C-alpha atoms as a PDB file:
ATOM      1  CA  MET A   1      94.871 109.074 110.609  1.00  0.00           C
ATOM      2  CA  HIS A   2      98.224 108.386 112.235  1.00  0.00           C
ATOM      3  CA  ASP A   3      99.410 104.993 113.372  1.00  0.00           C
ATOM      4  CA  GLU A   4     101.379 104.735 116.577  1.00  0.00           C
ATOM      5  CA  PRO A   5     103.728 101.742 116.754  1.00  0.00           C
ATOM      6  CA  SER A   6     104.907 100.339 120.066  1.00  0.00           C
ATOM      7  CA  GLY A   7     108.046 102.523 119.923  1.00  0.00           C
ATOM      8  CA  GLY A   8     105.923 105.635 120.445  1.00  0.00           C
ATOM      9  CA  LEU A   9     106.833 107.259 117.127  1.00  0.00           C
ATOM     10  CA  VAL A  10     103.927 108.678 115.151  1.00  0.00           C
ATOM     11  CA  LEU A  11     104.126 107.553 111.530  1.00  0.00           C
ATOM     12  CA  PRO A  12     103.213 110.052 108.828  1.00  0.00           C
ATOM     13  CA  ASP A  13      99.874 109.862 107.153  1.00  0.00           C
ATOM     14  CA  GLU A  14      99.751 107.085 104.585  1.00  0.00           C
ATOM     15  CA  GLU A  15      98.592 109.611 101.985  1.00  0.00           C
ATOM     16  CA  VAL A  16     101.890 111.479 102.342  1.00  0.00           C
ATOM     17  CA  GLN A  17     103.838 108.233 101.925  1.00  0.00           C
ATOM     18  CA  VAL A  18     101.823 107.333  98.829  1.00  0.00           C
ATOM     19  CA  GLY A  19     102.302 110.811  97.372  1.00  0.00           C
ATOM     20  CA  VAL A  20     106.056 110.801  97.969  1.00  0.00           C
ATOM     21  CA  LEU A  21     106.520 107.323  96.500  1.00  0.00           C
ATOM     22  CA  ARG A  22     104.283 108.062  93.520  1.00  0.00           C
ATOM     23  CA  HIS A  23     106.242 111.269  92.810  1.00  0.00           C
ATOM     24  CA  LEU A  24     109.582 109.445  92.936  1.00  0.00           C
ATOM     25  CA  LEU A  25     108.225 106.667  90.710  1.00  0.00           C
ATOM     26  CA  ASP A  26     106.856 109.164  88.192  1.00  0.00           C
ATOM     27  CA  LEU A  27     110.204 110.961  87.977  1.00  0.00           C
ATOM     28  CA  HIS A  28     112.367 107.822  87.791  1.00  0.00           C
ATOM     29  CA  PRO A  29     115.217 107.661  86.721  1.00  0.00           C
ATOM     30  CA  ILE A  30     115.599 111.253  87.934  1.00  0.00           C
ATOM     31  CA  GLN A  31     116.823 111.404  91.521  1.00  0.00           C
ATOM     32  CA  LEU A  32     115.771 114.193  93.862  1.00  0.00           C
ATOM     33  CA  THR A  33     117.422 115.492  96.990  1.00  0.00           C
ATOM     34  CA  ASP A  34     115.361 115.683 100.168  1.00  0.00           C
ATOM     35  CA  GLU A  35     115.048 119.444  99.743  1.00  0.00           C
ATOM     36  CA  GLU A  36     113.984 119.194  96.088  1.00  0.00           C
ATOM     37  CA  LEU A  37     111.337 116.648  97.015  1.00  0.00           C
ATOM     38  CA  ILE A  38     110.045 118.849  99.818  1.00  0.00           C
ATOM     39  CA  ARG A  39     109.908 121.922  97.546  1.00  0.00           C
ATOM     40  CA  GLU A  40     107.894 119.960  94.985  1.00  0.00           C
ATOM     41  CA  ALA A  41     105.635 118.221  97.514  1.00  0.00           C
ATOM     42  CA  VAL A  42     104.527 120.934  99.932  1.00  0.00           C
ATOM     43  CA  GLY A  43     102.148 123.784  99.229  1.00  0.00           C
ATOM     44  CA  ASP A  44     103.750 126.256 101.632  1.00  0.00           C
ATOM     45  CA  PRO A  45     107.541 125.912 101.942  1.00  0.00           C
ATOM     46  CA  ASP A  46     107.401 127.674 105.322  1.00  0.00           C
ATOM     47  CA  ASP A  47     104.886 125.203 106.782  1.00  0.00           C
ATOM     48  CA  PHE A  48     106.930 123.119 109.222  1.00  0.00           C
ATOM     49  CA  ALA A  49     104.220 120.466 109.603  1.00  0.00           C
ATOM     50  CA  GLU A  50     104.082 119.788 105.842  1.00  0.00           C
ATOM     51  CA  ARG A  51     107.870 119.684 105.500  1.00  0.00           C
ATOM     52  CA  ASP A  52     108.159 117.390 108.516  1.00  0.00           C
ATOM     53  CA  ALA A  53     105.448 115.061 107.183  1.00  0.00           C
ATOM     54  CA  VAL A  54     107.398 114.620 103.938  1.00  0.00           C
ATOM     55  CA  ARG A  55     110.650 113.991 105.831  1.00  0.00           C
ATOM     56  CA  ARG A  56     108.974 111.409 108.049  1.00  0.00           C
ATOM     57  CA  ALA A  57     107.315 109.752 105.042  1.00  0.00           C
ATOM     58  CA  VAL A  58     110.712 109.434 103.353  1.00  0.00           C
ATOM     59  CA  GLY A  59     112.091 107.843 106.528  1.00  0.00           C
ATOM     60  CA  VAL A  60     109.300 105.265 106.599  1.00  0.00           C
ATOM     61  CA  LEU A  61     109.698 104.507 102.870  1.00  0.00           C
ATOM     62  CA  VAL A  62     113.464 104.073 103.247  1.00  0.00           C
ATOM     63  CA  ALA A  63     113.043 101.849 106.312  1.00  0.00           C
ATOM     64  CA  SER A  64     110.448  99.717 104.507  1.00  0.00           C
ATOM     65  CA  GLY A  65     112.677  99.172 101.473  1.00  0.00           C
ATOM     66  CA  LEU A  66     110.637 101.162  98.952  1.00  0.00           C
ATOM     67  CA  VAL A  67     113.023 104.112  98.599  1.00  0.00           C
ATOM     68  CA  HIS A  68     116.816 104.208  98.516  1.00  0.00           C
ATOM     69  CA  ARG A  69     118.829 107.061  99.935  1.00  0.00           C
ATOM     70  CA  HIS A  70     122.234 107.570  98.305  1.00  0.00           C
ATOM     71  CA  GLY A  71     123.893 110.505  99.996  1.00  0.00           C
ATOM     72  CA  ARG A  72     121.474 113.397  99.509  1.00  0.00           C
ATOM     73  CA  PHE A  73     119.550 111.672  96.715  1.00  0.00           C
ATOM     74  CA  LEU A  74     116.340 109.632  96.850  1.00  0.00           C
ATOM     75  CA  PHE A  75     115.042 107.130  94.317  1.00  0.00           C
ATOM     76  CA  PRO A  76     112.632 104.168  94.277  1.00  0.00           C
ATOM     77  CA  THR A  77     113.989 100.678  94.895  1.00  0.00           C
ATOM     78  CA  HIS A  78     113.868  97.952  92.283  1.00  0.00           C
ATOM     79  CA  ALA A  79     111.006  96.293  94.196  1.00  0.00           C
ATOM     80  CA  ALA A  80     108.984  99.529  94.131  1.00  0.00           C
ATOM     81  CA  LEU A  81     109.587  99.903  90.397  1.00  0.00           C
ATOM     82  CA  VAL A  82     108.523  96.309  89.666  1.00  0.00           C
ATOM     83  CA  PHE A  83     105.368  96.651  91.756  1.00  0.00           C
ATOM     84  CA  HIS A  84     104.573  99.947  90.063  1.00  0.00           C
ATOM     85  CA  ALA A  85     104.940  98.315  86.650  1.00  0.00           C
ATOM     86  CA  LEU A  86     102.689  95.393  87.666  1.00  0.00           C
ATOM     87  CA  ALA A  87     100.008  97.345  89.526  1.00  0.00           C
ATOM     88  CA  PRO A  88      96.978  98.506  87.563  1.00  0.00           C
ATOM     89  CA  THR A  89      96.682 102.274  87.270  1.00  0.00           C
END
């Protein structure tokens, strides 16, 4: 299910956002580039829709303050790490 905010942009599926954030949290302190994350996250590297969903999920996570982007590299924010440590598994 996609949410459509008033700006008209279609947000990526929440499952993709959760998967991306969980992957970055699991790998912390390792930082991945966008392309490394996409290679690890998608089943078919030639599937534009899957690649685009991951890119859009990263954009939403960055905008919401859960993921930092430093140049080409992505990593979870301090807030995401603290929540992850506090949340039951």
